[in-house]
Amino acid sequence: MPIRLVVADDSYIIREGVRELARGIEDIEVVAACSDFDTLKAAVERDRPDVVLTDIRMPPTNTDEGIRMADSLRRTDPDVGVVVLSQYADAEYALALLDKGAAGRAYLLKERVTDLDQLAHAIREVARGGSVIDPKVVENLIASRTRQGRGPLVDLTPREGEVLADVAQGKNNAAIAADLFLTERAVEKHINSIFSKLGLTEEKAVHRRVRAALIYLAEQAPDKR
């Protein structure tokens, strides 16, 4: 069965462009195209998609409709994947999207829409519960390290790398402890060390965790353009 996709963007060109591109992907079917938050909500309830691809800003407020839809679906339809499109390479938007977990969520810049392979990859990945973050979104988080010719994860110990990999999967400290045969206190110490080495000590705890996951995901991406 093809992946059932609902597209939401107030730009007619984007909506129809994605619909046309999807016609060339045999395992993806666009079942609805919407121009605002209310019609998107109705389409999700009516068409039961596997994935929603949505602009981050749409009527009626043109602020954060895409993020709110992703949050709503996490509560009502957690199996529905969400790909958020944005023209902003700002990590704060990605942080808002991933604040409650990265599973089934993707954040792409709108310039990627014309790249059929990348678009299809993001849709397939969130459909199966994975995560995709546009490399440009995390560029500002790792720029200082890369300018020095050092990757942001280079200072982590092997055990810290394992802990961070579990953090990026959305696991809490108890789940990480069970997975790696550690105590929760040991996990907490490793995570605090990771925050320190990644320079994330000044942020709120939840954002530090998401930022660390973003950095890890960016480093694992096969194409870090």
N, C-alpha and C. Protein backbone atom coordinates (compact mmCIF):
# COMPACT_ATOMS: atom_id res chain seq x y z
N MET A 1 0.84 -1.19 0.00
CA MET A 1 0.00 0.00 0.00
C MET A 1 0.88 1.25 0.00
N PRO A 2 0.50 2.25 -0.82
CA PRO A 2 1.29 3.48 -0.83
C PRO A 2 1.14 4.27 0.46
N ILE A 3 2.12 5.12 0.74
CA ILE A 3 2.04 6.02 1.89
C ILE A 3 1.04 7.12 1.57
N ARG A 4 0.02 7.25 2.40
CA ARG A 4 -1.02 8.25 2.19
C ARG A 4 -0.53 9.59 2.75
N LEU A 5 -0.47 10.59 1.87
CA LEU A 5 0.14 11.87 2.22
C LEU A 5 -0.87 13.00 2.09
N VAL A 6 -0.95 13.83 3.13
CA VAL A 6 -1.71 15.08 3.07
C VAL A 6 -0.72 16.23 3.02
N VAL A 7 -0.90 17.13 2.06
CA VAL A 7 -0.02 18.28 1.87
C VAL A 7 -0.74 19.55 2.32
N ALA A 8 -0.06 20.40 3.07
CA ALA A 8 -0.67 21.65 3.53
C ALA A 8 0.31 22.80 3.36
N ASP A 9 -0.07 23.76 2.54
CA ASP A 9 0.75 24.96 2.33
C ASP A 9 -0.15 26.02 1.71
N ASP A 10 -0.03 27.26 2.18
CA ASP A 10 -0.89 28.30 1.62
C ASP A 10 -0.42 28.77 0.25
N SER A 11 0.75 28.29 -0.18
CA SER A 11 1.23 28.60 -1.52
C SER A 11 0.69 27.56 -2.51
N TYR A 12 -0.08 28.01 -3.48
CA TYR A 12 -0.63 27.11 -4.50
C TYR A 12 0.50 26.40 -5.25
N ILE A 13 1.59 27.12 -5.50
CA ILE A 13 2.70 26.55 -6.26
C ILE A 13 3.33 25.39 -5.49
N ILE A 14 3.51 25.58 -4.17
CA ILE A 14 4.10 24.50 -3.36
C ILE A 14 3.17 23.30 -3.31
N ARG A 15 1.89 23.55 -3.04
CA ARG A 15 0.92 22.44 -2.94
C ARG A 15 0.89 21.63 -4.22
N GLU A 16 0.69 22.30 -5.33
CA GLU A 16 0.58 21.58 -6.60
C GLU A 16 1.91 21.01 -7.05
N GLY A 17 3.01 21.69 -6.67
CA GLY A 17 4.33 21.17 -7.01
C GLY A 17 4.60 19.84 -6.32
N VAL A 18 4.25 19.76 -5.03
CA VAL A 18 4.43 18.51 -4.29
C VAL A 18 3.52 17.43 -4.84
N ARG A 19 2.28 17.80 -5.16
CA ARG A 19 1.35 16.82 -5.72
C ARG A 19 1.90 16.24 -7.04
N GLU A 20 2.44 17.13 -7.86
CA GLU A 20 2.98 16.69 -9.15
C GLU A 20 4.21 15.81 -8.97
N LEU A 21 5.09 16.21 -8.03
CA LEU A 21 6.28 15.41 -7.75
C LEU A 21 5.89 14.02 -7.24
N ALA A 22 4.88 13.97 -6.39
CA ALA A 22 4.47 12.70 -5.78
C ALA A 22 3.95 11.72 -6.83
N ARG A 23 3.44 12.24 -7.94
CA ARG A 23 2.96 11.35 -9.00
C ARG A 23 4.07 10.51 -9.59
N GLY A 24 5.32 10.97 -9.40
CA GLY A 24 6.46 10.21 -9.91
C GLY A 24 7.04 9.25 -8.90
N ILE A 25 6.41 9.14 -7.71
CA ILE A 25 6.88 8.24 -6.65
C ILE A 25 5.81 7.19 -6.42
N GLU A 26 6.06 5.98 -6.81
CA GLU A 26 4.99 4.98 -6.83
C GLU A 26 4.52 4.55 -5.45
N ASP A 27 5.33 4.76 -4.40
CA ASP A 27 4.89 4.32 -3.07
C ASP A 27 4.33 5.47 -2.23
N ILE A 28 4.06 6.64 -2.85
CA ILE A 28 3.48 7.78 -2.14
C ILE A 28 2.27 8.29 -2.90
N GLU A 29 1.17 8.49 -2.20
CA GLU A 29 -0.07 8.97 -2.82
C GLU A 29 -0.58 10.20 -2.06
N VAL A 30 -0.75 11.33 -2.75
CA VAL A 30 -1.32 12.53 -2.14
C VAL A 30 -2.84 12.37 -2.10
N VAL A 31 -3.39 12.32 -0.88
CA VAL A 31 -4.84 12.11 -0.73
C VAL A 31 -5.59 13.40 -0.47
N ALA A 32 -4.87 14.48 -0.14
CA ALA A 32 -5.52 15.78 0.08
C ALA A 32 -4.46 16.87 0.03
N ALA A 33 -4.89 18.07 -0.41
CA ALA A 33 -4.02 19.25 -0.42
C ALA A 33 -4.79 20.39 0.21
N CYS A 34 -4.17 21.03 1.21
CA CYS A 34 -4.87 22.03 2.03
C CYS A 34 -4.11 23.35 2.03
N SER A 35 -4.85 24.44 2.27
CA SER A 35 -4.24 25.76 2.25
C SER A 35 -4.21 26.45 3.60
N ASP A 36 -4.82 25.84 4.63
CA ASP A 36 -4.79 26.46 5.95
C ASP A 36 -4.95 25.39 7.04
N PHE A 37 -4.83 25.84 8.28
CA PHE A 37 -4.84 24.93 9.42
C PHE A 37 -6.16 24.17 9.54
N ASP A 38 -7.27 24.87 9.38
CA ASP A 38 -8.58 24.24 9.57
C ASP A 38 -8.85 23.16 8.53
N THR A 39 -8.52 23.44 7.26
CA THR A 39 -8.75 22.41 6.24
C THR A 39 -7.78 21.25 6.41
N LEU A 40 -6.59 21.52 6.92
CA LEU A 40 -5.64 20.44 7.20
C LEU A 40 -6.18 19.54 8.30
N LYS A 41 -6.68 20.13 9.36
CA LYS A 41 -7.23 19.35 10.46
C LYS A 41 -8.38 18.47 9.98
N ALA A 42 -9.25 19.05 9.14
CA ALA A 42 -10.39 18.29 8.62
C ALA A 42 -9.92 17.15 7.71
N ALA A 43 -8.89 17.41 6.90
CA ALA A 43 -8.38 16.38 5.99
C ALA A 43 -7.76 15.22 6.75
N VAL A 44 -7.06 15.53 7.84
CA VAL A 44 -6.45 14.46 8.66
C VAL A 44 -7.54 13.57 9.24
N GLU A 45 -8.60 14.19 9.74
CA GLU A 45 -9.70 13.41 10.32
C GLU A 45 -10.45 12.59 9.26
N ARG A 46 -10.55 13.16 8.06
CA ARG A 46 -11.34 12.51 7.01
C ARG A 46 -10.54 11.44 6.26
N ASP A 47 -9.29 11.74 5.91
CA ASP A 47 -8.52 10.89 5.00
C ASP A 47 -7.54 9.95 5.69
N ARG A 48 -7.34 10.12 7.00
CA ARG A 48 -6.48 9.21 7.77
C ARG A 48 -5.13 8.97 7.08
N PRO A 49 -4.33 10.01 6.91
CA PRO A 49 -3.06 9.84 6.22
C PRO A 49 -2.01 9.12 7.07
N ASP A 50 -0.97 8.67 6.39
CA ASP A 50 0.19 8.11 7.09
C ASP A 50 1.18 9.22 7.44
N VAL A 51 1.22 10.25 6.57
CA VAL A 51 2.16 11.35 6.74
C VAL A 51 1.48 12.67 6.39
N VAL A 52 1.79 13.71 7.17
CA VAL A 52 1.36 15.07 6.85
C VAL A 52 2.61 15.87 6.50
N LEU A 53 2.60 16.52 5.35
CA LEU A 53 3.67 17.43 4.96
C LEU A 53 3.09 18.83 5.01
N THR A 54 3.60 19.66 5.93
CA THR A 54 2.96 20.94 6.18
C THR A 54 3.95 22.09 6.27
N ASP A 55 3.50 23.25 5.80
CA ASP A 55 4.26 24.48 5.99
C ASP A 55 4.26 24.80 7.48
N ILE A 56 5.31 25.48 7.94
CA ILE A 56 5.35 25.84 9.35
C ILE A 56 4.40 26.98 9.65
N ARG A 57 4.12 27.85 8.66
CA ARG A 57 3.24 29.00 8.85
C ARG A 57 2.13 28.98 7.82
N MET A 58 0.90 29.02 8.29
CA MET A 58 -0.27 29.03 7.41
C MET A 58 -1.36 29.89 8.04
N PRO A 59 -2.38 30.26 7.25
CA PRO A 59 -3.55 30.90 7.85
C PRO A 59 -4.19 29.92 8.84
N PRO A 60 -4.84 30.41 9.90
CA PRO A 60 -5.30 31.79 10.02
C PRO A 60 -4.31 32.77 10.65
N THR A 61 -3.29 32.31 11.39
CA THR A 61 -2.43 33.26 12.09
C THR A 61 -1.07 33.45 11.44
N ASN A 62 -0.68 32.51 10.55
CA ASN A 62 0.64 32.57 9.90
C ASN A 62 1.77 32.67 10.91
N THR A 63 1.68 31.84 11.95
CA THR A 63 2.74 31.84 12.96
C THR A 63 3.38 30.45 13.07
N ASP A 64 2.68 29.50 13.71
CA ASP A 64 3.28 28.18 13.97
C ASP A 64 2.29 27.05 13.75
N GLU A 65 1.42 27.20 12.77
CA GLU A 65 0.38 26.19 12.54
C GLU A 65 0.96 24.79 12.32
N GLY A 66 2.06 24.68 11.59
CA GLY A 66 2.66 23.38 11.34
C GLY A 66 3.14 22.70 12.61
N ILE A 67 3.76 23.49 13.52
CA ILE A 67 4.21 22.95 14.79
C ILE A 67 3.03 22.51 15.64
N ARG A 68 1.96 23.32 15.65
CA ARG A 68 0.78 22.97 16.45
C ARG A 68 0.10 21.71 15.93
N MET A 69 0.08 21.55 14.61
CA MET A 69 -0.49 20.33 14.05
C MET A 69 0.33 19.12 14.45
N ALA A 70 1.67 19.25 14.41
CA ALA A 70 2.54 18.14 14.81
C ALA A 70 2.31 17.77 16.27
N ASP A 71 2.17 18.78 17.13
CA ASP A 71 1.91 18.53 18.55
C ASP A 71 0.56 17.85 18.75
N SER A 72 -0.45 18.33 18.02
CA SER A 72 -1.79 17.75 18.13
C SER A 72 -1.80 16.29 17.71
N LEU A 73 -1.12 15.99 16.60
CA LEU A 73 -1.08 14.62 16.11
C LEU A 73 -0.32 13.70 17.06
N ARG A 74 0.65 14.23 17.77
CA ARG A 74 1.37 13.40 18.73
C ARG A 74 0.43 12.88 19.81
N ARG A 75 -0.59 13.68 20.13
CA ARG A 75 -1.56 13.27 21.14
C ARG A 75 -2.67 12.41 20.56
N THR A 76 -3.20 12.79 19.38
CA THR A 76 -4.38 12.12 18.85
C THR A 76 -4.07 10.98 17.89
N ASP A 77 -3.01 11.12 17.10
CA ASP A 77 -2.64 10.10 16.10
C ASP A 77 -1.13 9.94 16.09
N PRO A 78 -0.56 9.34 17.12
CA PRO A 78 0.91 9.28 17.24
C PRO A 78 1.60 8.51 16.12
N ASP A 79 0.87 7.71 15.36
CA ASP A 79 1.50 6.95 14.27
C ASP A 79 1.61 7.76 12.98
N VAL A 80 0.99 8.94 12.94
CA VAL A 80 1.07 9.78 11.74
C VAL A 80 2.38 10.56 11.75
N GLY A 81 3.19 10.39 10.71
CA GLY A 81 4.43 11.14 10.60
C GLY A 81 4.18 12.56 10.12
N VAL A 82 5.07 13.47 10.46
CA VAL A 82 4.93 14.87 10.06
C VAL A 82 6.25 15.38 9.49
N VAL A 83 6.18 15.94 8.28
CA VAL A 83 7.31 16.64 7.67
C VAL A 83 6.96 18.12 7.66
N VAL A 84 7.72 18.92 8.39
CA VAL A 84 7.49 20.37 8.42
C VAL A 84 8.42 21.04 7.43
N LEU A 85 7.85 21.90 6.59
CA LEU A 85 8.62 22.68 5.64
C LEU A 85 8.76 24.12 6.14
N SER A 86 9.95 24.67 6.00
CA SER A 86 10.17 26.05 6.42
C SER A 86 11.22 26.70 5.54
N GLN A 87 11.10 28.01 5.39
CA GLN A 87 12.14 28.75 4.67
C GLN A 87 13.23 29.22 5.62
N TYR A 88 13.09 28.90 6.91
CA TYR A 88 14.02 29.39 7.92
C TYR A 88 14.95 28.29 8.41
N ALA A 89 16.25 28.49 8.28
CA ALA A 89 17.25 27.55 8.80
C ALA A 89 17.57 27.92 10.24
N ASP A 90 16.54 28.00 11.06
CA ASP A 90 16.66 28.42 12.45
C ASP A 90 16.39 27.23 13.35
N ALA A 91 17.37 26.88 14.18
CA ALA A 91 17.24 25.70 15.02
C ALA A 91 16.09 25.81 16.01
N GLU A 92 15.67 27.03 16.35
CA GLU A 92 14.60 27.18 17.33
C GLU A 92 13.30 26.55 16.84
N TYR A 93 13.01 26.66 15.54
CA TYR A 93 11.80 26.04 15.00
C TYR A 93 11.90 24.52 15.10
N ALA A 94 13.07 23.98 14.79
CA ALA A 94 13.25 22.54 14.89
C ALA A 94 13.14 22.09 16.35
N LEU A 95 13.65 22.90 17.27
CA LEU A 95 13.54 22.57 18.69
C LEU A 95 12.08 22.48 19.11
N ALA A 96 11.27 23.41 18.61
CA ALA A 96 9.85 23.39 18.95
C ALA A 96 9.18 22.13 18.40
N LEU A 97 9.57 21.72 17.19
CA LEU A 97 8.99 20.53 16.58
C LEU A 97 9.37 19.26 17.34
N LEU A 98 10.62 19.20 17.80
CA LEU A 98 11.16 17.98 18.39
C LEU A 98 11.14 17.99 19.91
N ASP A 99 10.53 18.99 20.50
CA ASP A 99 10.59 19.17 21.94
C ASP A 99 10.10 17.95 22.71
N LYS A 100 9.13 17.22 22.15
CA LYS A 100 8.58 16.05 22.85
C LYS A 100 9.02 14.75 22.19
N GLY A 101 10.07 14.81 21.35
CA GLY A 101 10.60 13.61 20.72
C GLY A 101 10.77 13.77 19.22
N ALA A 102 11.74 13.06 18.67
CA ALA A 102 12.06 13.19 17.25
C ALA A 102 11.40 12.11 16.38
N ALA A 103 10.87 11.06 17.00
CA ALA A 103 10.31 9.96 16.23
C ALA A 103 9.16 10.42 15.34
N GLY A 104 9.23 10.05 14.06
CA GLY A 104 8.16 10.38 13.13
C GLY A 104 8.09 11.85 12.77
N ARG A 105 9.19 12.58 12.91
CA ARG A 105 9.20 14.00 12.62
C ARG A 105 10.38 14.36 11.71
N ALA A 106 10.13 15.27 10.78
CA ALA A 106 11.18 15.76 9.90
C ALA A 106 11.05 17.27 9.74
N TYR A 107 12.18 17.94 9.60
CA TYR A 107 12.20 19.38 9.40
C TYR A 107 13.07 19.65 8.19
N LEU A 108 12.45 20.13 7.10
CA LEU A 108 13.16 20.40 5.86
C LEU A 108 13.00 21.85 5.45
N LEU A 109 14.02 22.39 4.83
CA LEU A 109 13.89 23.71 4.23
C LEU A 109 13.12 23.58 2.92
N LYS A 110 12.38 24.62 2.58
CA LYS A 110 11.53 24.56 1.39
C LYS A 110 12.33 24.36 0.12
N GLU A 111 13.59 24.76 0.14
CA GLU A 111 14.42 24.58 -1.05
C GLU A 111 14.62 23.11 -1.38
N ARG A 112 14.35 22.22 -0.43
CA ARG A 112 14.51 20.78 -0.67
C ARG A 112 13.31 20.19 -1.42
N VAL A 113 12.22 20.94 -1.53
CA VAL A 113 11.00 20.39 -2.12
C VAL A 113 11.23 19.93 -3.55
N THR A 114 12.08 20.64 -4.27
CA THR A 114 12.32 20.27 -5.67
C THR A 114 13.26 19.07 -5.83
N ASP A 115 13.88 18.65 -4.74
CA ASP A 115 14.76 17.48 -4.78
C ASP A 115 13.92 16.25 -4.46
N LEU A 116 13.52 15.54 -5.49
CA LEU A 116 12.59 14.42 -5.34
C LEU A 116 13.12 13.36 -4.39
N ASP A 117 14.41 13.05 -4.49
CA ASP A 117 14.97 11.99 -3.64
C ASP A 117 14.93 12.38 -2.17
N GLN A 118 15.29 13.62 -1.85
CA GLN A 118 15.29 14.05 -0.45
C GLN A 118 13.88 14.13 0.11
N LEU A 119 12.95 14.63 -0.72
CA LEU A 119 11.57 14.73 -0.27
C LEU A 119 10.99 13.35 0.00
N ALA A 120 11.19 12.43 -0.94
CA ALA A 120 10.68 11.07 -0.77
C ALA A 120 11.31 10.39 0.43
N HIS A 121 12.61 10.61 0.63
CA HIS A 121 13.30 10.01 1.78
C HIS A 121 12.69 10.49 3.09
N ALA A 122 12.42 11.79 3.20
CA ALA A 122 11.86 12.34 4.44
C ALA A 122 10.47 11.76 4.70
N ILE A 123 9.65 11.66 3.67
CA ILE A 123 8.30 11.13 3.83
C ILE A 123 8.35 9.67 4.26
N ARG A 124 9.18 8.88 3.60
CA ARG A 124 9.30 7.46 3.96
C ARG A 124 9.84 7.28 5.38
N GLU A 125 10.81 8.12 5.73
CA GLU A 125 11.46 7.98 7.04
C GLU A 125 10.47 8.25 8.18
N VAL A 126 9.69 9.33 8.08
CA VAL A 126 8.75 9.62 9.18
C VAL A 126 7.60 8.62 9.18
N ALA A 127 7.26 8.07 8.00
CA ALA A 127 6.20 7.07 7.94
C ALA A 127 6.55 5.84 8.75
N ARG A 128 7.84 5.53 8.83
CA ARG A 128 8.27 4.35 9.59
C ARG A 128 8.74 4.71 11.00
N GLY A 129 8.53 5.99 11.39
CA GLY A 129 8.87 6.39 12.75
C GLY A 129 10.25 6.99 12.92
N GLY A 130 10.94 7.24 11.81
CA GLY A 130 12.28 7.82 11.88
C GLY A 130 12.23 9.34 11.94
N SER A 131 13.41 9.94 11.81
CA SER A 131 13.52 11.39 11.91
C SER A 131 14.51 11.92 10.88
N VAL A 132 14.21 13.09 10.31
CA VAL A 132 15.10 13.73 9.35
C VAL A 132 15.20 15.21 9.69
N ILE A 133 16.40 15.71 9.84
CA ILE A 133 16.62 17.12 10.12
C ILE A 133 17.50 17.70 9.04
N ASP A 134 17.06 18.79 8.43
CA ASP A 134 17.85 19.42 7.37
C ASP A 134 19.20 19.84 7.94
N PRO A 135 20.29 19.45 7.29
CA PRO A 135 21.62 19.79 7.82
C PRO A 135 21.83 21.29 8.06
N LYS A 136 21.23 22.13 7.24
CA LYS A 136 21.42 23.57 7.42
C LYS A 136 20.82 24.08 8.73
N VAL A 137 19.82 23.36 9.23
CA VAL A 137 19.15 23.79 10.47
C VAL A 137 20.10 23.74 11.65
N VAL A 138 20.99 22.75 11.67
CA VAL A 138 21.90 22.61 12.80
C VAL A 138 23.28 23.22 12.53
N GLU A 139 23.42 23.88 11.41
CA GLU A 139 24.71 24.45 11.04
C GLU A 139 25.22 25.42 12.11
N ASN A 140 24.33 26.23 12.65
CA ASN A 140 24.76 27.21 13.65
C ASN A 140 25.16 26.56 14.96
N LEU A 141 24.71 25.31 15.19
CA LEU A 141 25.07 24.61 16.42
C LEU A 141 26.47 24.00 16.35
N ILE A 142 26.94 23.72 15.15
CA ILE A 142 28.23 23.03 15.01
C ILE A 142 29.28 23.86 14.28
N ALA A 143 28.93 25.09 13.88
CA ALA A 143 29.82 25.91 13.06
C ALA A 143 31.16 26.16 13.74
N SER A 144 31.15 26.47 15.02
CA SER A 144 32.40 26.82 15.70
C SER A 144 33.36 25.63 15.72
N ARG A 145 32.82 24.43 15.93
CA ARG A 145 33.68 23.25 15.94
C ARG A 145 34.22 22.93 14.55
N THR A 146 33.35 23.04 13.52
CA THR A 146 33.78 22.68 12.18
C THR A 146 34.80 23.68 11.65
N ARG A 147 34.71 24.95 12.07
CA ARG A 147 35.70 25.94 11.65
C ARG A 147 37.07 25.58 12.19
N GLN A 148 37.09 24.89 13.32
CA GLN A 148 38.35 24.46 13.90
C GLN A 148 38.80 23.11 13.34
N GLY A 149 38.01 22.58 12.41
CA GLY A 149 38.35 21.29 11.82
C GLY A 149 38.05 20.12 12.73
N ARG A 150 37.19 20.32 13.72
CA ARG A 150 36.86 19.26 14.67
C ARG A 150 35.37 19.04 14.66
N GLY A 151 34.94 17.78 14.58
CA GLY A 151 33.53 17.48 14.67
C GLY A 151 33.02 17.73 16.07
N PRO A 152 31.74 18.06 16.23
CA PRO A 152 31.21 18.38 17.55
C PRO A 152 31.18 17.22 18.52
N LEU A 153 31.27 15.98 18.00
CA LEU A 153 31.19 14.81 18.87
C LEU A 153 32.56 14.22 19.20
N VAL A 154 33.62 14.88 18.72
CA VAL A 154 34.95 14.28 18.82
C VAL A 154 35.41 14.11 20.26
N ASP A 155 34.94 14.96 21.17
CA ASP A 155 35.41 14.90 22.55
C ASP A 155 34.63 13.89 23.41
N LEU A 156 33.56 13.32 22.86
CA LEU A 156 32.77 12.38 23.64
C LEU A 156 33.48 11.04 23.79
N THR A 157 33.33 10.43 24.96
CA THR A 157 33.85 9.07 25.14
C THR A 157 32.94 8.09 24.41
N PRO A 158 33.40 6.88 24.16
CA PRO A 158 32.54 5.88 23.52
C PRO A 158 31.22 5.67 24.27
N ARG A 159 31.28 5.64 25.60
CA ARG A 159 30.05 5.46 26.38
C ARG A 159 29.13 6.66 26.23
N GLU A 160 29.69 7.87 26.23
CA GLU A 160 28.87 9.07 26.03
C GLU A 160 28.23 9.06 24.64
N GLY A 161 28.94 8.54 23.65
CA GLY A 161 28.37 8.41 22.32
C GLY A 161 27.17 7.47 22.31
N GLU A 162 27.27 6.38 23.07
CA GLU A 162 26.15 5.44 23.16
C GLU A 162 24.95 6.08 23.86
N VAL A 163 25.23 6.84 24.92
CA VAL A 163 24.15 7.52 25.63
C VAL A 163 23.48 8.53 24.72
N LEU A 164 24.28 9.31 23.98
CA LEU A 164 23.72 10.33 23.10
C LEU A 164 22.90 9.69 21.98
N ALA A 165 23.33 8.55 21.47
CA ALA A 165 22.56 7.85 20.44
C ALA A 165 21.18 7.48 20.96
N ASP A 166 21.11 7.06 22.22
CA ASP A 166 19.81 6.73 22.82
C ASP A 166 18.98 7.99 23.06
N VAL A 167 19.62 9.08 23.45
CA VAL A 167 18.91 10.35 23.62
C VAL A 167 18.27 10.76 22.30
N ALA A 168 19.01 10.60 21.21
CA ALA A 168 18.50 10.98 19.89
C ALA A 168 17.31 10.12 19.46
N GLN A 169 17.18 8.93 20.05
CA GLN A 169 16.03 8.07 19.77
C GLN A 169 14.82 8.43 20.63
N GLY A 170 14.98 9.43 21.49
CA GLY A 170 13.87 9.87 22.33
C GLY A 170 13.72 9.11 23.63
N LYS A 171 14.73 8.32 24.01
CA LYS A 171 14.64 7.53 25.23
C LYS A 171 14.87 8.41 26.45
N ASN A 172 14.13 8.12 27.54
CA ASN A 172 14.38 8.83 28.79
C ASN A 172 15.52 8.16 29.54
N ASN A 173 15.91 8.74 30.67
CA ASN A 173 17.07 8.22 31.40
C ASN A 173 16.88 6.78 31.85
N ALA A 174 15.66 6.43 32.27
CA ALA A 174 15.41 5.07 32.73
C ALA A 174 15.59 4.07 31.58
N ALA A 175 15.10 4.41 30.40
CA ALA A 175 15.22 3.52 29.24
C ALA A 175 16.68 3.39 28.81
N ILE A 176 17.41 4.51 28.88
CA ILE A 176 18.84 4.47 28.52
C ILE A 176 19.60 3.58 29.50
N ALA A 177 19.28 3.73 30.79
CA ALA A 177 19.94 2.91 31.80
C ALA A 177 19.70 1.43 31.55
N ALA A 178 18.46 1.07 31.22
CA ALA A 178 18.14 -0.34 30.96
C ALA A 178 18.86 -0.83 29.70
N ASP A 179 18.93 0.00 28.68
CA ASP A 179 19.54 -0.40 27.41
C ASP A 179 21.05 -0.61 27.55
N LEU A 180 21.70 0.25 28.34
CA LEU A 180 23.17 0.22 28.43
C LEU A 180 23.67 -0.42 29.74
N PHE A 181 22.74 -0.98 30.54
CA PHE A 181 23.10 -1.63 31.80
C PHE A 181 23.84 -0.68 32.73
N LEU A 182 23.27 0.52 32.88
CA LEU A 182 23.81 1.53 33.76
C LEU A 182 22.76 1.90 34.81
N THR A 183 23.20 2.59 35.84
CA THR A 183 22.24 3.17 36.78
C THR A 183 21.74 4.49 36.20
N GLU A 184 20.56 4.92 36.65
CA GLU A 184 20.05 6.20 36.17
C GLU A 184 20.96 7.35 36.58
N ARG A 185 21.58 7.23 37.74
CA ARG A 185 22.52 8.26 38.18
C ARG A 185 23.72 8.34 37.24
N ALA A 186 24.20 7.19 36.80
CA ALA A 186 25.33 7.18 35.86
C ALA A 186 24.92 7.81 34.53
N VAL A 187 23.70 7.50 34.07
CA VAL A 187 23.20 8.10 32.83
C VAL A 187 23.13 9.61 32.96
N GLU A 188 22.63 10.09 34.10
CA GLU A 188 22.53 11.53 34.32
C GLU A 188 23.91 12.19 34.27
N LYS A 189 24.90 11.53 34.86
CA LYS A 189 26.27 12.08 34.83
C LYS A 189 26.80 12.14 33.40
N HIS A 190 26.55 11.07 32.63
CA HIS A 190 27.01 11.06 31.23
C HIS A 190 26.34 12.18 30.44
N ILE A 191 25.04 12.37 30.66
CA ILE A 191 24.31 13.39 29.91
C ILE A 191 24.81 14.79 30.26
N ASN A 192 25.06 15.03 31.53
CA ASN A 192 25.60 16.33 31.93
C ASN A 192 26.97 16.58 31.31
N SER A 193 27.78 15.51 31.22
CA SER A 193 29.09 15.63 30.58
C SER A 193 28.94 15.93 29.09
N ILE A 194 27.96 15.28 28.45
CA ILE A 194 27.69 15.53 27.02
C ILE A 194 27.28 16.98 26.82
N PHE A 195 26.37 17.48 27.65
CA PHE A 195 25.95 18.87 27.54
C PHE A 195 27.15 19.81 27.63
N SER A 196 28.02 19.53 28.59
CA SER A 196 29.18 20.38 28.80
C SER A 196 30.12 20.37 27.59
N LYS A 197 30.41 19.17 27.07
CA LYS A 197 31.34 19.05 25.94
C LYS A 197 30.77 19.64 24.66
N LEU A 198 29.42 19.65 24.52
CA LEU A 198 28.79 20.23 23.34
C LEU A 198 28.49 21.71 23.50
N GLY A 199 28.86 22.26 24.66
CA GLY A 199 28.64 23.68 24.89
C GLY A 199 27.18 24.04 25.08
N LEU A 200 26.40 23.15 25.68
CA LEU A 200 24.96 23.36 25.83
C LEU A 200 24.56 23.63 27.28
N THR A 201 25.52 24.09 28.09
CA THR A 201 25.27 24.23 29.52
C THR A 201 24.39 25.41 29.89
N GLU A 202 24.18 26.35 28.99
CA GLU A 202 23.43 27.55 29.35
C GLU A 202 21.96 27.49 28.97
N GLU A 203 21.51 26.39 28.35
CA GLU A 203 20.13 26.32 27.88
C GLU A 203 19.25 25.59 28.89
N LYS A 204 17.93 25.72 28.71
CA LYS A 204 16.99 24.97 29.53
C LYS A 204 17.22 23.47 29.31
N ALA A 205 16.94 22.68 30.33
CA ALA A 205 17.24 21.25 30.28
C ALA A 205 16.61 20.56 29.09
N VAL A 206 15.33 20.81 28.83
CA VAL A 206 14.67 20.12 27.72
C VAL A 206 15.30 20.51 26.39
N HIS A 207 15.65 21.79 26.24
CA HIS A 207 16.25 22.22 24.98
C HIS A 207 17.68 21.71 24.83
N ARG A 208 18.38 21.57 25.94
CA ARG A 208 19.72 20.99 25.85
C ARG A 208 19.64 19.57 25.31
N ARG A 209 18.68 18.82 25.77
CA ARG A 209 18.52 17.43 25.33
C ARG A 209 18.19 17.38 23.84
N VAL A 210 17.29 18.24 23.40
CA VAL A 210 16.91 18.24 21.99
C VAL A 210 18.06 18.75 21.12
N ARG A 211 18.76 19.78 21.59
CA ARG A 211 19.90 20.29 20.83
C ARG A 211 20.98 19.21 20.67
N ALA A 212 21.24 18.49 21.74
CA ALA A 212 22.22 17.41 21.66
C ALA A 212 21.79 16.37 20.64
N ALA A 213 20.49 16.03 20.64
CA ALA A 213 19.97 15.07 19.67
C ALA A 213 20.11 15.60 18.25
N LEU A 214 19.84 16.89 18.05
CA LEU A 214 19.97 17.50 16.73
C LEU A 214 21.41 17.40 16.22
N ILE A 215 22.36 17.70 17.10
CA ILE A 215 23.77 17.62 16.71
C ILE A 215 24.13 16.20 16.31
N TYR A 216 23.67 15.23 17.10
CA TYR A 216 23.95 13.82 16.79
C TYR A 216 23.36 13.43 15.44
N LEU A 217 22.08 13.80 15.22
CA LEU A 217 21.42 13.45 13.96
C LEU A 217 22.13 14.09 12.77
N ALA A 218 22.57 15.34 12.95
CA ALA A 218 23.28 16.02 11.87
C ALA A 218 24.58 15.31 11.53
N GLU A 219 25.30 14.86 12.56
CA GLU A 219 26.56 14.17 12.33
C GLU A 219 26.37 12.81 11.66
N GLN A 220 25.21 12.18 11.90
CA GLN A 220 24.93 10.87 11.29
C GLN A 220 24.40 10.98 9.88
N ALA A 221 23.97 12.19 9.47
CA ALA A 221 23.38 12.36 8.14
C ALA A 221 24.41 12.05 7.08
N PRO A 222 24.02 11.30 6.02
CA PRO A 222 24.97 10.96 4.96
C PRO A 222 25.39 12.17 4.14
N ASP A 223 24.53 13.22 4.07
CA ASP A 223 24.84 14.41 3.31
C ASP A 223 24.68 15.61 4.22
N LYS A 224 25.78 16.23 4.66
CA LYS A 224 25.73 17.33 5.61
C LYS A 224 25.94 18.65 4.90
N ARG A 225 25.26 18.82 3.75
CA ARG A 225 25.40 20.06 3.01
C ARG A 225 24.79 21.21 3.80
